[in-house]
Amino acid sequence: MQRIIRPDEKNKGETNRVYEEYRDKVCQAIREDKPLLPIMREAAERFKKIERIKDDKPVVTVVGEIYVRHNPYANLFIIDELEKLGLKVELASMREWFFYTNHAYKETSLKERKYIEFLKNRIRNFYQELVDKRFEQLFKGIIEGFEEPHTEHIIKLGERYMHRSLRGEAILSIGKILSSIERGRDGAVNVMPFTCMPGNLTVAITSQIERDFPEFPILALSYDGSRQANYLNKVRTFVAQVEAYHNRKKSKISLTKS
């Protein structure tokens, strides 16, 4: 929500203020065991009232290791950096991992014939999807075009390049990059800790994706707690490639219409 609105906001800083206000309200409600739906409904109305300037910004997807992609201190505020350089960022969400672990346990429990565990897993997954959809519906007008793809679809996309039995973040990262191409995004960034095995596996496979989709920009960034000398140069070069790809797509659409 925050990343969808913030790049287009008319009054700079308003999106962050609304987000932080309702983040704190949600945390307090959880501590006090109060219902979240009224707070989320109120938050949706506040976000809808934020004035936005319509602008055709390139959109990129950030994928990779869960902690690094969600912790700005671990990824050197890569999302803020990309936004400063004129991009809109779609971040692979935490829910992706929750539903993936449900999916993986479903397959494991069936294989091991633990049918009671399988049933528990399916009930839990059904309830989580129900809650997820209920919240998503509140923000429908805002997140249009940025809805989360279904986990099974991401896995099937990832299976074009690796087998699903190889568990972990790699198949999700690969699937999300392919989903980005499928959804008309303009690039993807894979973030990971230095020497991360699933991250390096993703880097190895993205070289094949780059051969199959040679125009689609993909950037791999690894983090070890320090800022590498050429870090910003890599990011800026990637942004230039994203802008060029975005403009080529617009030109093709214009030619098709004419």
Protein backbone atom coordinates (compact mmCIF):
# COMPACT_ATOMS: atom_id res chain seq x y z
CA MET A 1 0.00 0.00 0.00
CA GLN A 2 2.66 2.46 1.10
CA ARG A 3 4.88 1.72 -1.92
CA ILE A 4 1.97 1.94 -4.37
CA ILE A 5 0.90 5.43 -3.26
CA ARG A 6 4.13 7.07 -2.04
CA PRO A 7 5.85 7.66 -5.41
CA ASP A 8 2.75 9.51 -6.70
CA GLU A 9 1.75 11.45 -3.57
CA LYS A 10 1.15 15.19 -3.99
CA ASN A 11 2.13 16.12 -0.43
CA LYS A 12 5.48 14.48 0.27
CA GLY A 13 5.60 12.43 3.46
CA GLU A 14 1.82 12.05 3.82
CA THR A 15 1.79 8.34 2.88
CA ASN A 16 4.47 7.51 5.44
CA ARG A 17 2.61 9.42 8.15
CA VAL A 18 -0.66 7.57 7.47
CA TYR A 19 1.16 4.21 7.25
CA GLU A 20 3.00 4.73 10.55
CA GLU A 21 -0.17 5.89 12.31
CA TYR A 22 -2.12 2.77 11.34
CA ARG A 23 0.85 0.44 11.79
CA ASP A 24 0.97 1.59 15.43
CA LYS A 25 -2.81 1.16 15.79
CA VAL A 26 -2.61 -2.38 14.40
CA CYS A 27 0.23 -3.26 16.79
CA GLN A 28 -1.73 -1.89 19.75
CA ALA A 29 -4.86 -3.82 18.70
CA ILE A 30 -2.86 -7.05 18.51
CA ARG A 31 -1.38 -6.45 21.97
CA GLU A 32 -4.86 -5.80 23.38
CA ASP A 33 -6.46 -8.66 21.44
CA LYS A 34 -8.88 -6.33 19.63
CA PRO A 35 -10.31 -6.88 16.11
CA LEU A 36 -8.24 -5.55 13.21
CA LEU A 37 -10.97 -5.19 10.60
CA PRO A 38 -12.31 -1.78 11.79
CA ILE A 39 -8.77 -0.37 11.89
CA MET A 40 -7.97 -1.69 8.42
CA ARG A 41 -11.25 -0.28 7.08
CA GLU A 42 -10.40 3.12 8.54
CA ALA A 43 -6.85 2.90 7.14
CA ALA A 44 -8.18 2.11 3.66
CA GLU A 45 -10.33 5.25 3.73
CA ARG A 46 -7.37 7.39 4.82
CA PHE A 47 -5.13 5.99 2.10
CA LYS A 48 -7.82 6.61 -0.53
CA LYS A 49 -7.95 10.29 0.47
CA ILE A 50 -4.23 10.87 -0.21
CA GLU A 51 -3.92 13.13 -3.24
CA ARG A 52 -1.85 11.64 -6.05
CA ILE A 53 -0.29 12.98 -9.22
CA LYS A 54 -0.92 10.65 -12.14
CA ASP A 55 2.47 9.69 -13.54
CA ASP A 56 3.59 6.81 -15.72
CA LYS A 57 6.52 5.59 -13.63
CA PRO A 58 8.39 2.37 -14.42
CA VAL A 59 7.59 -0.43 -11.95
CA VAL A 60 10.14 -2.96 -10.67
CA THR A 61 9.72 -5.94 -8.35
CA VAL A 62 12.05 -6.61 -5.41
CA VAL A 63 12.46 -10.32 -4.62
CA GLY A 64 14.97 -12.37 -2.65
CA GLU A 65 15.78 -13.41 0.90
CA ILE A 66 12.89 -12.59 3.23
CA TYR A 67 14.72 -10.67 5.95
CA VAL A 68 16.95 -8.65 3.64
CA ARG A 69 14.17 -7.59 1.29
CA HIS A 70 11.94 -6.40 4.17
CA ASN A 71 14.54 -4.78 6.44
CA PRO A 72 15.69 -1.42 5.02
CA TYR A 73 18.80 -1.42 7.23
CA ALA A 74 19.82 -4.79 5.82
CA ASN A 75 19.27 -3.72 2.19
CA LEU A 76 20.69 -0.17 2.50
CA PHE A 77 17.23 1.31 1.90
CA ILE A 78 17.15 0.00 -1.67
CA ILE A 79 13.43 0.76 -2.08
CA ASP A 80 13.92 4.40 -1.05
CA GLU A 81 16.88 4.61 -3.41
CA LEU A 82 14.89 3.26 -6.36
CA GLU A 83 12.00 5.63 -5.60
CA LYS A 84 14.38 8.61 -5.46
CA LEU A 85 15.58 7.63 -8.92
CA GLY A 86 12.03 7.73 -10.29
CA LEU A 87 10.77 4.14 -10.02
CA LYS A 88 7.77 2.56 -8.34
CA VAL A 89 8.59 -0.60 -6.37
CA GLU A 90 6.55 -3.75 -5.86
CA LEU A 91 7.91 -5.83 -2.97
CA ALA A 92 7.37 -9.59 -2.67
CA SER A 93 5.29 -9.76 0.52
CA MET A 94 5.64 -11.77 3.73
CA ARG A 95 2.33 -13.50 2.96
CA GLU A 96 4.05 -15.18 0.01
CA TRP A 97 6.29 -17.12 2.44
CA PHE A 98 3.45 -18.02 4.82
CA PHE A 99 1.36 -19.50 2.02
CA TYR A 100 4.42 -21.20 0.52
CA THR A 101 5.22 -22.98 3.81
CA ASN A 102 1.56 -24.09 3.99
CA HIS A 103 1.85 -25.40 0.45
CA ALA A 104 5.13 -27.21 1.16
CA TYR A 105 3.71 -28.85 4.31
CA LYS A 106 0.61 -29.93 2.37
CA GLU A 107 2.84 -31.81 -0.10
CA THR A 108 5.01 -33.29 2.68
CA SER A 109 2.09 -34.48 4.81
CA LEU A 110 0.48 -36.17 1.78
CA LYS A 111 3.74 -37.85 0.80
CA GLU A 112 4.24 -39.13 4.37
CA ARG A 113 0.53 -40.11 4.63
CA LYS A 114 -0.07 -37.87 7.63
CA TYR A 115 -3.67 -37.23 6.70
CA ILE A 116 -4.69 -35.57 9.98
CA GLU A 117 -1.81 -33.10 9.59
CA PHE A 118 -2.81 -32.55 5.98
CA LEU A 119 -6.36 -31.72 7.03
CA LYS A 120 -5.16 -29.32 9.76
CA ASN A 121 -2.91 -27.61 7.23
CA ARG A 122 -5.75 -27.17 4.72
CA ILE A 123 -8.08 -25.72 7.37
CA ARG A 124 -5.39 -23.31 8.53
CA ASN A 125 -4.59 -22.28 4.95
CA PHE A 126 -8.28 -21.78 4.14
CA TYR A 127 -8.74 -19.51 7.15
CA GLN A 128 -5.59 -17.50 6.35
CA GLU A 129 -6.71 -17.01 2.74
CA LEU A 130 -10.15 -15.94 3.96
CA VAL A 131 -8.67 -13.27 6.26
CA ASP A 132 -6.22 -12.20 3.54
CA LYS A 133 -9.00 -11.72 0.98
CA ARG A 134 -11.16 -9.86 3.48
CA PHE A 135 -8.39 -7.31 4.11
CA GLU A 136 -7.44 -7.14 0.44
CA GLN A 137 -11.03 -6.30 -0.49
CA LEU A 138 -10.89 -3.16 1.68
CA PHE A 139 -8.00 -1.80 -0.39
CA LYS A 140 -9.27 -3.04 -3.76
CA GLY A 141 -9.47 0.39 -5.40
CA ILE A 142 -5.90 1.23 -4.40
CA ILE A 143 -4.03 -2.01 -5.11
CA GLU A 144 -5.62 -2.68 -8.50
CA GLY A 145 -2.89 -4.06 -10.74
CA PHE A 146 -0.72 -4.88 -7.70
CA GLU A 147 -2.69 -7.84 -6.31
CA GLU A 148 -0.58 -10.70 -4.98
CA PRO A 149 -0.36 -13.66 -7.39
CA HIS A 150 -1.49 -17.01 -5.97
CA THR A 151 1.34 -19.07 -4.47
CA GLU A 152 0.66 -22.10 -6.68
CA HIS A 153 0.94 -19.88 -9.76
CA ILE A 154 4.32 -18.53 -8.59
CA ILE A 155 5.59 -22.08 -8.00
CA LYS A 156 4.41 -23.23 -11.44
CA LEU A 157 6.21 -20.31 -13.05
CA GLY A 158 9.37 -21.12 -11.08
CA GLU A 159 9.16 -24.76 -12.19
CA ARG A 160 10.04 -23.69 -15.72
CA TYR A 161 13.62 -23.38 -14.44
CA MET A 162 13.84 -25.57 -11.30
CA HIS A 163 11.94 -28.42 -9.68
CA ARG A 164 9.59 -27.64 -6.81
CA SER A 165 11.19 -30.32 -4.65
CA LEU A 166 14.14 -27.94 -4.20
CA ARG A 167 12.54 -26.10 -1.31
CA GLY A 168 13.19 -22.54 -0.19
CA GLU A 169 13.14 -18.97 -1.42
CA ALA A 170 14.82 -19.62 -4.78
CA ILE A 171 11.74 -21.01 -6.55
CA LEU A 172 9.66 -18.12 -5.18
CA SER A 173 12.18 -15.54 -6.37
CA ILE A 174 12.39 -17.13 -9.82
CA GLY A 175 8.60 -17.44 -10.02
CA LYS A 176 8.11 -13.83 -8.91
CA ILE A 177 10.57 -12.55 -11.53
CA LEU A 178 8.65 -14.45 -14.21
CA SER A 179 5.39 -13.14 -12.76
CA SER A 180 6.83 -9.62 -13.08
CA ILE A 181 7.48 -10.21 -16.77
CA GLU A 182 4.00 -11.70 -17.15
CA ARG A 183 2.39 -8.70 -15.39
CA GLY A 184 4.20 -6.11 -17.50
CA ARG A 185 6.69 -4.86 -14.94
CA ASP A 186 9.85 -3.10 -16.09
CA GLY A 187 12.54 -4.93 -14.12
CA ALA A 188 13.38 -7.01 -11.04
CA VAL A 189 15.87 -6.74 -8.18
CA ASN A 190 17.07 -9.84 -6.33
CA VAL A 191 18.45 -8.98 -2.86
CA MET A 192 20.29 -11.42 -0.63
CA PRO A 193 22.85 -11.74 2.17
CA PHE A 194 26.42 -12.25 1.01
CA THR A 195 27.04 -15.99 0.25
CA CYS A 196 23.32 -16.85 0.66
CA MET A 197 22.83 -20.23 -1.07
CA PRO A 198 19.19 -19.73 -2.26
CA GLY A 199 20.14 -16.22 -3.38
CA ASN A 200 23.13 -17.42 -5.38
CA LEU A 201 21.01 -20.19 -6.87
CA THR A 202 18.54 -17.50 -7.98
CA VAL A 203 21.40 -15.50 -9.53
CA ALA A 204 22.58 -18.57 -11.46
CA ILE A 205 19.09 -19.27 -12.82
CA THR A 206 18.38 -15.63 -13.68
CA SER A 207 21.24 -15.81 -16.17
CA GLN A 208 19.05 -18.27 -18.11
CA ILE A 209 16.00 -15.99 -17.72
CA GLU A 210 18.08 -13.13 -19.12
CA ARG A 211 18.87 -15.26 -22.18
CA ASP A 212 15.19 -16.09 -22.65
CA PHE A 213 14.04 -12.49 -21.98
CA PRO A 214 17.10 -10.46 -23.06
CA GLU A 215 15.46 -7.04 -22.78
CA PHE A 216 14.07 -7.45 -19.25
CA PRO A 217 16.46 -5.83 -16.70
CA ILE A 218 17.42 -7.93 -13.64
CA LEU A 219 19.75 -6.71 -10.90
CA ALA A 220 21.30 -8.92 -8.20
CA LEU A 221 22.50 -7.23 -5.01
CA SER A 222 24.24 -8.99 -2.13
CA TYR A 223 24.71 -7.38 1.30
CA ASP A 224 27.38 -7.99 3.93
CA GLY A 225 26.80 -4.99 6.21
CA SER A 226 29.04 -2.61 4.27
CA ARG A 227 28.47 -0.40 1.24
CA GLN A 228 30.49 -1.56 -1.78
CA ALA A 229 32.31 1.12 -3.78
CA ASN A 230 30.30 0.58 -6.97
CA TYR A 231 26.94 -0.11 -5.30
CA LEU A 232 25.17 3.09 -6.38
CA ASN A 233 26.65 2.86 -9.87
CA LYS A 234 25.09 -0.59 -10.26
CA VAL A 235 21.73 0.71 -9.04
CA ARG A 236 21.81 3.76 -11.33
CA THR A 237 22.82 1.66 -14.34
CA PHE A 238 19.91 -0.68 -13.61
CA VAL A 239 17.50 2.28 -13.37
CA ALA A 240 18.70 3.54 -16.76
CA GLN A 241 18.05 0.08 -18.25
CA VAL A 242 14.58 0.00 -16.64
CA GLU A 243 13.67 3.42 -18.05
CA ALA A 244 14.86 2.39 -21.53
CA TYR A 245 12.83 -0.84 -21.35
CA HIS A 246 9.76 1.08 -20.13
CA ASN A 247 10.04 3.61 -22.98
CA ARG A 248 10.45 0.86 -25.59
CA LYS A 249 7.26 -0.78 -24.31
CA LYS A 250 5.39 2.53 -24.56
CA SER A 251 6.65 3.05 -28.11
CA LYS A 252 5.44 -0.40 -29.14
CA ILE A 253 2.00 0.30 -27.64
CA SER A 254 1.81 3.65 -29.47
CA LEU A 255 2.73 2.02 -32.78
CA THR A 256 0.12 -0.71 -32.24
CA LYS A 257 -2.62 1.86 -31.55
CA SER A 258 -1.70 3.99 -34.56
